[in-house]
């Protein structure tokens, strides 16, 4: 199951992670975000324990949303070694997200 990232746990779970991390920034009211939810959940299961994959609600976590200048959702941020390595804005096929994640290994 995808983790729940927050402003409070972001540094611990994302920045300090030794594994690649995918952060899905979303909101309850966002239709395209809801379309991506099953894909993110599938990837979380498929890539455990090789990668950390989770979701961050933009309405509840404004600090991280602002820090990474997220203006449109869904936005997926890809981290490696605590650094932002890639970004995907908008709903895309699973293959696109898997391709971006695979580049981080």
PDB file of N, CA and C in Angstrom:
ATOM      1  N   UNK A   1       0.838  -1.186   0.000  1.00  0.00           N
ATOM      2  CA  UNK A   1       0.000   0.000   0.000  1.00  0.00           C
ATOM      3  C   UNK A   1       0.888   1.257   0.000  1.00  0.00           C
ATOM      4  N   UNK A   2       0.454   2.252  -0.719  1.00  0.00           N
ATOM      5  CA  UNK A   2       1.200   3.500  -0.796  1.00  0.00           C
ATOM      6  C   UNK A   2       1.236   4.183   0.573  1.00  0.00           C
ATOM      7  N   UNK A   3       2.384   4.745   0.903  1.00  0.00           N
ATOM      8  CA  UNK A   3       2.530   5.479   2.160  1.00  0.00           C
ATOM      9  C   UNK A   3       1.797   6.808   2.081  1.00  0.00           C
ATOM     10  N   UNK A   4       1.556   7.405   3.239  1.00  0.00           N
ATOM     11  CA  UNK A   4       0.994   8.753   3.271  1.00  0.00           C
ATOM     12  C   UNK A   4       2.094   9.699   3.725  1.00  0.00           C
ATOM     13  N   UNK A   5       2.549  10.526   2.787  1.00  0.00           N
ATOM     14  CA  UNK A   5       3.556  11.529   3.105  1.00  0.00           C
ATOM     15  C   UNK A   5       2.867  12.783   3.616  1.00  0.00           C
ATOM     16  N   UNK A   6       3.533  13.485   4.540  1.00  0.00           N
ATOM     17  CA  UNK A   6       3.010  14.742   5.076  1.00  0.00           C
ATOM     18  C   UNK A   6       4.159  15.743   5.184  1.00  0.00           C
ATOM     19  N   UNK A   7       3.811  17.002   5.465  1.00  0.00           N
ATOM     20  CA  UNK A   7       4.856  17.999   5.711  1.00  0.00           C
ATOM     21  C   UNK A   7       5.752  17.530   6.862  1.00  0.00           C
ATOM     22  N   UNK A   8       5.160  16.867   7.858  1.00  0.00           N
ATOM     23  CA  UNK A   8       5.895  16.448   9.054  1.00  0.00           C
ATOM     24  C   UNK A   8       6.845  15.280   8.807  1.00  0.00           C
ATOM     25  N   UNK A   9       6.447  14.304   7.978  1.00  0.00           N
ATOM     26  CA  UNK A   9       7.289  13.113   7.800  1.00  0.00           C
ATOM     27  C   UNK A   9       8.090  13.109   6.493  1.00  0.00           C
ATOM     28  N   UNK A  10       7.982  14.153   5.691  1.00  0.00           N
ATOM     29  CA  UNK A  10       8.595  14.181   4.365  1.00  0.00           C
ATOM     30  C   UNK A  10      10.111  13.999   4.413  1.00  0.00           C
ATOM     31  N   UNK A  11      10.792  14.745   5.269  1.00  0.00           N
ATOM     32  CA  UNK A  11      12.253  14.622   5.348  1.00  0.00           C
ATOM     33  C   UNK A  11      12.666  13.205   5.715  1.00  0.00           C
ATOM     34  N   UNK A  12      11.995  12.633   6.699  1.00  0.00           N
ATOM     35  CA  UNK A  12      12.357  11.293   7.172  1.00  0.00           C
ATOM     36  C   UNK A  12      12.105  10.225   6.108  1.00  0.00           C
ATOM     37  N   UNK A  13      10.923  10.261   5.460  1.00  0.00           N
ATOM     38  CA  UNK A  13      10.527   9.208   4.527  1.00  0.00           C
ATOM     39  C   UNK A  13      11.020   9.412   3.100  1.00  0.00           C
ATOM     40  N   UNK A  14      11.241  10.650   2.706  1.00  0.00           N
ATOM     41  CA  UNK A  14      11.624  10.936   1.316  1.00  0.00           C
ATOM     42  C   UNK A  14      13.093  11.366   1.221  1.00  0.00           C
ATOM     43  N   UNK A  15      13.436  12.456   1.857  1.00  0.00           N
ATOM     44  CA  UNK A  15      14.771  13.032   1.709  1.00  0.00           C
ATOM     45  C   UNK A  15      15.856  12.096   2.265  1.00  0.00           C
ATOM     46  N   UNK A  16      15.581  11.435   3.380  1.00  0.00           N
ATOM     47  CA  UNK A  16      16.582  10.569   4.008  1.00  0.00           C
ATOM     48  C   UNK A  16      16.530   9.124   3.508  1.00  0.00           C
ATOM     49  N   UNK A  17      15.629   8.818   2.590  1.00  0.00           N
ATOM     50  CA  UNK A  17      15.502   7.458   2.088  1.00  0.00           C
ATOM     51  C   UNK A  17      16.711   7.065   1.243  1.00  0.00           C
ATOM     52  N   UNK A  18      17.180   5.843   1.446  1.00  0.00           N
ATOM     53  CA  UNK A  18      18.273   5.326   0.626  1.00  0.00           C
ATOM     54  C   UNK A  18      17.749   4.697  -0.654  1.00  0.00           C
ATOM     55  N   UNK A  19      16.438   4.540  -0.745  1.00  0.00           N
ATOM     56  CA  UNK A  19      15.799   3.953  -1.928  1.00  0.00           C
ATOM     57  C   UNK A  19      15.206   5.070  -2.782  1.00  0.00           C
ATOM     58  N   UNK A  20      14.955   4.794  -4.066  1.00  0.00           N
ATOM     59  CA  UNK A  20      14.220   5.764  -4.883  1.00  0.00           C
ATOM     60  C   UNK A  20      12.828   5.989  -4.282  1.00  0.00           C
ATOM     61  N   UNK A  21      12.322   7.209  -4.410  1.00  0.00           N
ATOM     62  CA  UNK A  21      11.016   7.561  -3.844  1.00  0.00           C
ATOM     63  C   UNK A  21      10.155   8.225  -4.912  1.00  0.00           C
ATOM     64  N   UNK A  22       8.877   7.827  -4.952  1.00  0.00           N
ATOM     65  CA  UNK A  22       7.893   8.480  -5.818  1.00  0.00           C
ATOM     66  C   UNK A  22       6.839   9.100  -4.918  1.00  0.00           C
ATOM     67  N   UNK A  23       6.603  10.403  -5.102  1.00  0.00           N
ATOM     68  CA  UNK A  23       5.604  11.126  -4.323  1.00  0.00           C
ATOM     69  C   UNK A  23       4.504  11.595  -5.269  1.00  0.00           C
ATOM     70  N   UNK A  24       3.292  11.110  -5.033  1.00  0.00           N
ATOM     71  CA  UNK A  24       2.113  11.508  -5.815  1.00  0.00           C
ATOM     72  C   UNK A  24       1.412  12.630  -5.069  1.00  0.00           C
ATOM     73  N   UNK A  25       1.471  13.847  -5.605  1.00  0.00           N
ATOM     74  CA  UNK A  25       0.782  14.982  -4.996  1.00  0.00           C
ATOM     75  C   UNK A  25      -0.619  15.051  -5.587  1.00  0.00           C
ATOM     76  N   UNK A  26      -1.623  15.039  -4.717  1.00  0.00           N
ATOM     77  CA  UNK A  26      -3.012  14.885  -5.141  1.00  0.00           C
ATOM     78  C   UNK A  26      -3.949  15.651  -4.212  1.00  0.00           C
ATOM     79  N   UNK A  27      -5.261  15.624  -4.546  1.00  0.00           N
ATOM     80  CA  UNK A  27      -6.313  16.171  -3.682  1.00  0.00           C
ATOM     81  C   UNK A  27      -7.595  15.382  -3.923  1.00  0.00           C
ATOM     82  N   UNK A  28      -8.448  15.334  -2.913  1.00  0.00           N
ATOM     83  CA  UNK A  28      -9.718  14.598  -2.995  1.00  0.00           C
ATOM     84  C   UNK A  28     -10.570  15.056  -4.184  1.00  0.00           C
ATOM     85  N   UNK A  29     -10.587  16.350  -4.451  1.00  0.00           N
ATOM     86  CA  UNK A  29     -11.476  16.938  -5.456  1.00  0.00           C
ATOM     87  C   UNK A  29     -10.951  16.809  -6.888  1.00  0.00           C
ATOM     88  N   UNK A  30      -9.764  16.250  -7.049  1.00  0.00           N
ATOM     89  CA  UNK A  30      -9.095  16.191  -8.357  1.00  0.00           C
ATOM     90  C   UNK A  30      -9.427  14.888  -9.081  1.00  0.00           C
ATOM     91  N   UNK A  31     -10.182  14.962 -10.160  1.00  0.00           N
ATOM     92  CA  UNK A  31     -10.561  13.788 -10.940  1.00  0.00           C
ATOM     93  C   UNK A  31      -9.380  13.013 -11.506  1.00  0.00           C
ATOM     94  N   UNK A  32      -8.458  13.680 -12.219  1.00  0.00           N
ATOM     95  CA  UNK A  32      -7.291  12.962 -12.745  1.00  0.00           C
ATOM     96  C   UNK A  32      -6.450  12.311 -11.633  1.00  0.00           C
ATOM     97  N   UNK A  33      -6.428  12.941 -10.455  1.00  0.00           N
ATOM     98  CA  UNK A  33      -5.697  12.351  -9.319  1.00  0.00           C
ATOM     99  C   UNK A  33      -6.309  11.006  -8.943  1.00  0.00           C
ATOM    100  N   UNK A  34      -7.622  10.961  -8.909  1.00  0.00           N
ATOM    101  CA  UNK A  34      -8.311   9.710  -8.555  1.00  0.00           C
ATOM    102  C   UNK A  34      -8.046   8.630  -9.604  1.00  0.00           C
ATOM    103  N   UNK A  35      -7.859   9.032 -10.858  1.00  0.00           N
ATOM    104  CA  UNK A  35      -7.533   8.061 -11.910  1.00  0.00           C
ATOM    105  C   UNK A  35      -6.152   7.440 -11.675  1.00  0.00           C
ATOM    106  N   UNK A  36      -5.223   8.214 -11.117  1.00  0.00           N
ATOM    107  CA  UNK A  36      -3.866   7.719 -10.888  1.00  0.00           C
ATOM    108  C   UNK A  36      -3.744   6.868  -9.626  1.00  0.00           C
ATOM    109  N   UNK A  37      -4.681   7.009  -8.687  1.00  0.00           N
ATOM    110  CA  UNK A  37      -4.579   6.300  -7.408  1.00  0.00           C
ATOM    111  C   UNK A  37      -4.362   4.799  -7.563  1.00  0.00           C
ATOM    112  N   UNK A  38      -5.154   4.075  -8.389  1.00  0.00           N
ATOM    113  CA  UNK A  38      -4.903   2.635  -8.502  1.00  0.00           C
ATOM    114  C   UNK A  38      -3.524   2.305  -9.082  1.00  0.00           C
ATOM    115  N   UNK A  39      -3.019   3.148  -9.980  1.00  0.00           N
ATOM    116  CA  UNK A  39      -1.699   2.934 -10.567  1.00  0.00           C
ATOM    117  C   UNK A  39      -0.620   3.098  -9.498  1.00  0.00           C
ATOM    118  N   UNK A  40      -0.746   4.140  -8.692  1.00  0.00           N
ATOM    119  CA  UNK A  40       0.231   4.390  -7.627  1.00  0.00           C
ATOM    120  C   UNK A  40       0.202   3.241  -6.614  1.00  0.00           C
ATOM    121  N   UNK A  41      -0.990   2.766  -6.284  1.00  0.00           N
ATOM    122  CA  UNK A  41      -1.112   1.638  -5.340  1.00  0.00           C
ATOM    123  C   UNK A  41      -0.463   0.377  -5.916  1.00  0.00           C
ATOM    124  N   UNK A  42      -0.692   0.103  -7.198  1.00  0.00           N
ATOM    125  CA  UNK A  42      -0.081  -1.061  -7.854  1.00  0.00           C
ATOM    126  C   UNK A  42       1.439  -0.960  -7.816  1.00  0.00           C
ATOM    127  N   UNK A  43       1.947   0.204  -8.148  1.00  0.00           N
ATOM    128  CA  UNK A  43       3.397   0.391  -8.165  1.00  0.00           C
ATOM    129  C   UNK A  43       3.984   0.233  -6.760  1.00  0.00           C
ATOM    130  N   UNK A  44       3.271   0.709  -5.743  1.00  0.00           N
ATOM    131  CA  UNK A  44       3.753   0.577  -4.365  1.00  0.00           C
ATOM    132  C   UNK A  44       3.925  -0.897  -4.009  1.00  0.00           C
ATOM    133  N   UNK A  45       2.981  -1.736  -4.427  1.00  0.00           N
ATOM    134  CA  UNK A  45       3.069  -3.175  -4.152  1.00  0.00           C
ATOM    135  C   UNK A  45       4.182  -3.819  -4.978  1.00  0.00           C
ATOM    136  N   UNK A  46       4.238  -3.481  -6.257  1.00  0.00           N
ATOM    137  CA  UNK A  46       5.198  -4.107  -7.168  1.00  0.00           C
ATOM    138  C   UNK A  46       6.652  -3.759  -6.841  1.00  0.00           C
ATOM    139  N   UNK A  47       6.886  -2.553  -6.348  1.00  0.00           N
ATOM    140  CA  UNK A  47       8.256  -2.111  -6.120  1.00  0.00           C
ATOM    141  C   UNK A  47       8.698  -2.223  -4.662  1.00  0.00           C
ATOM    142  N   UNK A  48       7.828  -2.706  -3.791  1.00  0.00           N
ATOM    143  CA  UNK A  48       8.238  -2.923  -2.406  1.00  0.00           C
ATOM    144  C   UNK A  48       9.129  -4.156  -2.366  1.00  0.00           C
ATOM    145  N   UNK A  49      10.259  -4.181  -1.739  1.00  0.00           N
ATOM    146  CA  UNK A  49      10.883  -3.143  -0.905  1.00  0.00           C
ATOM    147  C   UNK A  49      11.954  -2.320  -1.631  1.00  0.00           C
ATOM    148  N   UNK A  50      11.983  -2.366  -2.969  1.00  0.00           N
ATOM    149  CA  UNK A  50      13.041  -1.679  -3.731  1.00  0.00           C
ATOM    150  C   UNK A  50      12.881  -0.169  -3.788  1.00  0.00           C
ATOM    151  N   UNK A  51      11.641   0.312  -3.655  1.00  0.00           N
ATOM    152  CA  UNK A  51      11.381   1.752  -3.743  1.00  0.00           C
ATOM    153  C   UNK A  51      10.319   2.132  -2.722  1.00  0.00           C
ATOM    154  N   UNK A  52      10.256   3.423  -2.414  1.00  0.00           N
ATOM    155  CA  UNK A  52       9.249   3.968  -1.505  1.00  0.00           C
ATOM    156  C   UNK A  52       8.273   4.766  -2.359  1.00  0.00           C
ATOM    157  N   UNK A  53       7.000   4.414  -2.290  1.00  0.00           N
ATOM    158  CA  UNK A  53       5.992   5.087  -3.118  1.00  0.00           C
ATOM    159  C   UNK A  53       4.831   5.488  -2.233  1.00  0.00           C
ATOM    160  N   UNK A  54       4.413   6.747  -2.371  1.00  0.00           N
ATOM    161  CA  UNK A  54       3.315   7.219  -1.544  1.00  0.00           C
ATOM    162  C   UNK A  54       2.653   8.455  -2.100  1.00  0.00           C
ATOM    163  N   UNK A  55       1.681   8.950  -1.315  1.00  0.00           N
ATOM    164  CA  UNK A  55       0.852  10.069  -1.737  1.00  0.00           C
ATOM    165  C   UNK A  55       0.958  11.208  -0.729  1.00  0.00           C
ATOM    166  N   UNK A  56       0.839  12.435  -1.235  1.00  0.00           N
ATOM    167  CA  UNK A  56       0.840  13.613  -0.383  1.00  0.00           C
ATOM    168  C   UNK A  56      -0.342  14.492  -0.780  1.00  0.00           C
ATOM    169  N   UNK A  57      -1.252  14.709   0.156  1.00  0.00           N
ATOM    170  CA  UNK A  57      -2.438  15.526  -0.102  1.00  0.00           C
ATOM    171  C   UNK A  57      -2.033  17.004  -0.070  1.00  0.00           C
ATOM    172  N   UNK A  58      -2.197  17.697  -1.201  1.00  0.00           N
ATOM    173  CA  UNK A  58      -1.746  19.089  -1.296  1.00  0.00           C
ATOM    174  C   UNK A  58      -2.548  20.026  -0.404  1.00  0.00           C
ATOM    175  N   UNK A  59      -3.815  19.698  -0.159  1.00  0.00           N
ATOM    176  CA  UNK A  59      -4.646  20.552   0.690  1.00  0.00           C
ATOM    177  C   UNK A  59      -4.203  20.496   2.149  1.00  0.00           C
ATOM    178  N   UNK A  60      -3.700  19.346   2.575  1.00  0.00           N
ATOM    179  CA  UNK A  60      -3.296  19.155   3.975  1.00  0.00           C
ATOM    180  C   UNK A  60      -1.825  19.447   4.229  1.00  0.00           C
ATOM    181  N   UNK A  61      -1.036  19.590   3.166  1.00  0.00           N
ATOM    182  CA  UNK A  61       0.416  19.732   3.306  1.00  0.00           C
ATOM    183  C   UNK A  61       0.964  20.846   2.426  1.00  0.00           C
ATOM    184  N   UNK A  62       0.659  22.095   2.774  1.00  0.00           N
ATOM    185  CA  UNK A  62       1.048  23.220   1.917  1.00  0.00           C
ATOM    186  C   UNK A  62       2.552  23.490   1.861  1.00  0.00           C
ATOM    187  N   UNK A  63       3.311  23.108   2.882  1.00  0.00           N
ATOM    188  CA  UNK A  63       4.745  23.424   2.891  1.00  0.00           C
ATOM    189  C   UNK A  63       5.487  22.680   1.781  1.00  0.00           C
ATOM    190  N   UNK A  64       5.274  21.381   1.666  1.00  0.00           N
ATOM    191  CA  UNK A  64       5.953  20.589   0.631  1.00  0.00           C
ATOM    192  C   UNK A  64       5.451  21.002  -0.748  1.00  0.00           C
ATOM    193  N   UNK A  65       4.152  21.232  -0.851  1.00  0.00           N
ATOM    194  CA  UNK A  65       3.560  21.656  -2.119  1.00  0.00           C
ATOM    195  C   UNK A  65       4.240  22.946  -2.604  1.00  0.00           C
ATOM    196  N   UNK A  66       4.437  23.904  -1.702  1.00  0.00           N
ATOM    197  CA  UNK A  66       5.076  25.170  -2.059  1.00  0.00           C
ATOM    198  C   UNK A  66       6.574  24.981  -2.326  1.00  0.00           C
ATOM    199  N   UNK A  67       7.246  24.171  -1.516  1.00  0.00           N
ATOM    200  CA  UNK A  67       8.694  23.976  -1.660  1.00  0.00           C
ATOM    201  C   UNK A  67       9.067  23.481  -3.057  1.00  0.00           C
ATOM    202  N   UNK A  68       8.223  22.605  -3.619  1.00  0.00           N
ATOM    203  CA  UNK A  68       8.515  22.051  -4.940  1.00  0.00           C
ATOM    204  C   UNK A  68       7.705  22.730  -6.049  1.00  0.00           C
ATOM    205  N   UNK A  69       7.139  23.905  -5.737  1.00  0.00           N
ATOM    206  CA  UNK A  69       6.424  24.737  -6.715  1.00  0.00           C
ATOM    207  C   UNK A  69       5.370  23.954  -7.494  1.00  0.00           C
ATOM    208  N   UNK A  70       4.594  23.146  -6.791  1.00  0.00           N
ATOM    209  CA  UNK A  70       3.544  22.359  -7.438  1.00  0.00           C
ATOM    210  C   UNK A  70       2.326  23.250  -7.634  1.00  0.00           C
ATOM    211  N   UNK A  71       1.995  23.489  -8.892  1.00  0.00           N
ATOM    212  CA  UNK A  71       0.857  24.353  -9.216  1.00  0.00           C
ATOM    213  C   UNK A  71      -0.278  23.571  -9.852  1.00  0.00           C
ATOM    214  N   UNK A  72       0.017  22.416 -10.399  1.00  0.00           N
ATOM    215  CA  UNK A  72      -1.010  21.575 -11.027  1.00  0.00           C
ATOM    216  C   UNK A  72      -0.912  20.175 -10.438  1.00  0.00           C
ATOM    217  N   UNK A  73      -2.075  19.557 -10.282  1.00  0.00           N
ATOM    218  CA  UNK A  73      -2.088  18.171  -9.818  1.00  0.00           C
ATOM    219  C   UNK A  73      -2.935  17.350 -10.768  1.00  0.00           C
ATOM    220  N   UNK A  74      -2.643  16.062 -10.899  1.00  0.00           N
ATOM    221  CA  UNK A  74      -1.606  15.363 -10.154  1.00  0.00           C
ATOM    222  C   UNK A  74      -0.203  15.709 -10.648  1.00  0.00           C
ATOM    223  N   UNK A  75       0.711  15.743  -9.695  1.00  0.00           N
ATOM    224  CA  UNK A  75       2.140  15.865  -9.988  1.00  0.00           C
ATOM    225  C   UNK A  75       2.840  14.748  -9.244  1.00  0.00           C
ATOM    226  N   UNK A  76       3.711  14.043  -9.928  1.00  0.00           N
ATOM    227  CA  UNK A  76       4.513  13.003  -9.288  1.00  0.00           C
ATOM    228  C   UNK A  76       5.958  13.450  -9.286  1.00  0.00           C
ATOM    229  N   UNK A  77       6.574  13.403  -8.102  1.00  0.00           N
ATOM    230  CA  UNK A  77       7.967  13.773  -7.940  1.00  0.00           C
ATOM    231  C   UNK A  77       8.777  12.505  -7.722  1.00  0.00           C
ATOM    232  N   UNK A  78       9.908  12.397  -8.393  1.00  0.00           N
ATOM    233  CA  UNK A  78      10.774  11.230  -8.306  1.00  0.00           C
ATOM    234  C   UNK A  78      12.086  11.655  -7.644  1.00  0.00           C
ATOM    235  N   UNK A  79      12.416  11.019  -6.527  1.00  0.00           N
ATOM    236  CA  UNK A  79      13.619  11.367  -5.765  1.00  0.00           C
ATOM    237  C   UNK A  79      14.624  10.230  -5.775  1.00  0.00           C
ATOM    238  N   UNK A  80      15.900  10.606  -5.826  1.00  0.00           N
ATOM    239  CA  UNK A  80      16.993   9.641  -5.672  1.00  0.00           C
ATOM    240  C   UNK A  80      18.054  10.308  -4.809  1.00  0.00           C
ATOM    241  N   UNK A  81      18.442   9.621  -3.739  1.00  0.00           N
ATOM    242  CA  UNK A  81      19.457  10.184  -2.845  1.00  0.00           C
ATOM    243  C   UNK A  81      19.038  11.488  -2.216  1.00  0.00           C
ATOM    244  N   UNK A  82      17.736  11.653  -1.975  1.00  0.00           N
ATOM    245  CA  UNK A  82      17.239  12.869  -1.341  1.00  0.00           C
ATOM    246  C   UNK A  82      17.081  14.057  -2.269  1.00  0.00           C
ATOM    247  N   UNK A  83      17.417  13.868  -3.535  1.00  0.00           N
ATOM    248  CA  UNK A  83      17.335  14.956  -4.517  1.00  0.00           C
ATOM    249  C   UNK A  83      16.213  14.692  -5.519  1.00  0.00           C
ATOM    250  N   UNK A  84      15.538  15.744  -5.938  1.00  0.00           N
ATOM    251  CA  UNK A  84      14.519  15.621  -6.972  1.00  0.00           C
ATOM    252  C   UNK A  84      15.199  15.238  -8.287  1.00  0.00           C
ATOM    253  N   UNK A  85      14.827  14.077  -8.829  1.00  0.00           N
ATOM    254  CA  UNK A  85      15.467  13.575 -10.037  1.00  0.00           C
ATOM    255  C   UNK A  85      14.593  13.716 -11.268  1.00  0.00           C
ATOM    256  N   UNK A  86      13.267  13.726 -11.080  1.00  0.00           N
ATOM    257  CA  UNK A  86      12.345  13.802 -12.218  1.00  0.00           C
ATOM    258  C   UNK A  86      10.989  14.248 -11.704  1.00  0.00           C
ATOM    259  N   UNK A  87      10.132  14.644 -12.658  1.00  0.00           N
ATOM    260  CA  UNK A  87       8.807  15.157 -12.308  1.00  0.00           C
ATOM    261  C   UNK A  87       7.849  14.815 -13.440  1.00  0.00           C
ATOM    262  N   UNK A  88       6.626  14.485 -13.086  1.00  0.00           N
ATOM    263  CA  UNK A  88       5.586  14.218 -14.082  1.00  0.00           C
ATOM    264  C   UNK A  88       4.330  14.978 -13.669  1.00  0.00           C
ATOM    265  N   UNK A  89       3.838  15.839 -14.544  1.00  0.00           N
ATOM    266  CA  UNK A  89       2.617  16.591 -14.269  1.00  0.00           C
ATOM    267  C   UNK A  89       1.504  16.038 -15.137  1.00  0.00           C
ATOM    268  N   UNK A  90       0.370  15.736 -14.517  1.00  0.00           N
ATOM    269  CA  UNK A  90      -0.787  15.237 -15.247  1.00  0.00           C
ATOM    270  C   UNK A  90      -0.892  13.730 -15.196  1.00  0.00           C
ATOM    271  N   UNK A  91      -2.091  13.252 -15.511  1.00  0.00           N
ATOM    272  CA  UNK A  91      -2.344  11.806 -15.535  1.00  0.00           C
ATOM    273  C   UNK A  91      -1.704  11.206 -16.780  1.00  0.00           C
ATOM    274  N   UNK A  92      -0.933  10.147 -16.576  1.00  0.00           N
ATOM    275  CA  UNK A  92      -0.241   9.466 -17.671  1.00  0.00           C
ATOM    276  C   UNK A  92      -0.381   7.960 -17.479  1.00  0.00           C
ATOM    277  N   UNK A  93      -0.084   7.181 -18.516  1.00  0.00           N
ATOM    278  CA  UNK A  93      -0.151   5.722 -18.361  1.00  0.00           C
ATOM    279  C   UNK A  93       0.884   5.217 -17.356  1.00  0.00           C
ATOM    280  N   UNK A  94       0.595   4.067 -16.788  1.00  0.00           N
ATOM    281  CA  UNK A  94       1.501   3.441 -15.821  1.00  0.00           C
ATOM    282  C   UNK A  94       2.889   3.260 -16.413  1.00  0.00           C
ATOM    283  N   UNK A  95       2.965   2.897 -17.685  1.00  0.00           N
ATOM    284  CA  UNK A  95       4.269   2.651 -18.321  1.00  0.00           C
ATOM    285  C   UNK A  95       5.181   3.880 -18.250  1.00  0.00           C
ATOM    286  N   UNK A  96       4.603   5.064 -18.332  1.00  0.00           N
ATOM    287  CA  UNK A  96       5.389   6.297 -18.248  1.00  0.00           C
ATOM    288  C   UNK A  96       6.005   6.439 -16.856  1.00  0.00           C
ATOM    289  N   UNK A  97       5.195   6.180 -15.834  1.00  0.00           N
ATOM    290  CA  UNK A  97       5.670   6.302 -14.456  1.00  0.00           C
ATOM    291  C   UNK A  97       6.704   5.222 -14.134  1.00  0.00           C
ATOM    292  N   UNK A  98       6.467   4.011 -14.593  1.00  0.00           N
ATOM    293  CA  UNK A  98       7.412   2.907 -14.376  1.00  0.00           C
ATOM    294  C   UNK A  98       8.746   3.235 -15.044  1.00  0.00           C
ATOM    295  N   UNK A  99       8.704   3.782 -16.246  1.00  0.00           N
ATOM    296  CA  UNK A  99       9.929   4.153 -16.952  1.00  0.00           C
ATOM    297  C   UNK A  99      10.749   5.170 -16.180  1.00  0.00           C
ATOM    298  N   UNK A 100      10.081   6.171 -15.622  1.00  0.00           N
ATOM    299  CA  UNK A 100      10.783   7.194 -14.833  1.00  0.00           C
ATOM    300  C   UNK A 100      11.370   6.586 -13.564  1.00  0.00           C
ATOM    301  N   UNK A 101      10.618   5.710 -12.905  1.00  0.00           N
ATOM    302  CA  UNK A 101      11.109   5.066 -11.687  1.00  0.00           C
ATOM    303  C   UNK A 101      12.287   4.149 -11.986  1.00  0.00           C
ATOM    304  N   UNK A 102      12.194   3.375 -13.039  1.00  0.00           N
ATOM    305  CA  UNK A 102      13.269   2.426 -13.387  1.00  0.00           C
ATOM    306  C   UNK A 102      14.604   3.130 -13.626  1.00  0.00           C
ATOM    307  N   UNK A 103      14.567   4.364 -14.108  1.00  0.00           N
ATOM    308  CA  UNK A 103      15.805   5.113 -14.354  1.00  0.00           C
ATOM    309  C   UNK A 103      16.541   5.450 -13.050  1.00  0.00           C
ATOM    310  N   UNK A 104      15.845   5.347 -11.923  1.00  0.00           N
ATOM    311  CA  UNK A 104      16.444   5.723 -10.643  1.00  0.00           C
ATOM    312  C   UNK A 104      17.209   4.569  -9.985  1.00  0.00           C
ATOM    313  N   UNK A 105      17.103   3.366 -10.529  1.00  0.00           N
ATOM    314  CA  UNK A 105      17.783   2.204  -9.917  1.00  0.00           C
ATOM    315  C   UNK A 105      19.211   2.093 -10.407  1.00  0.00           C
TER     316      UNK A 105
END
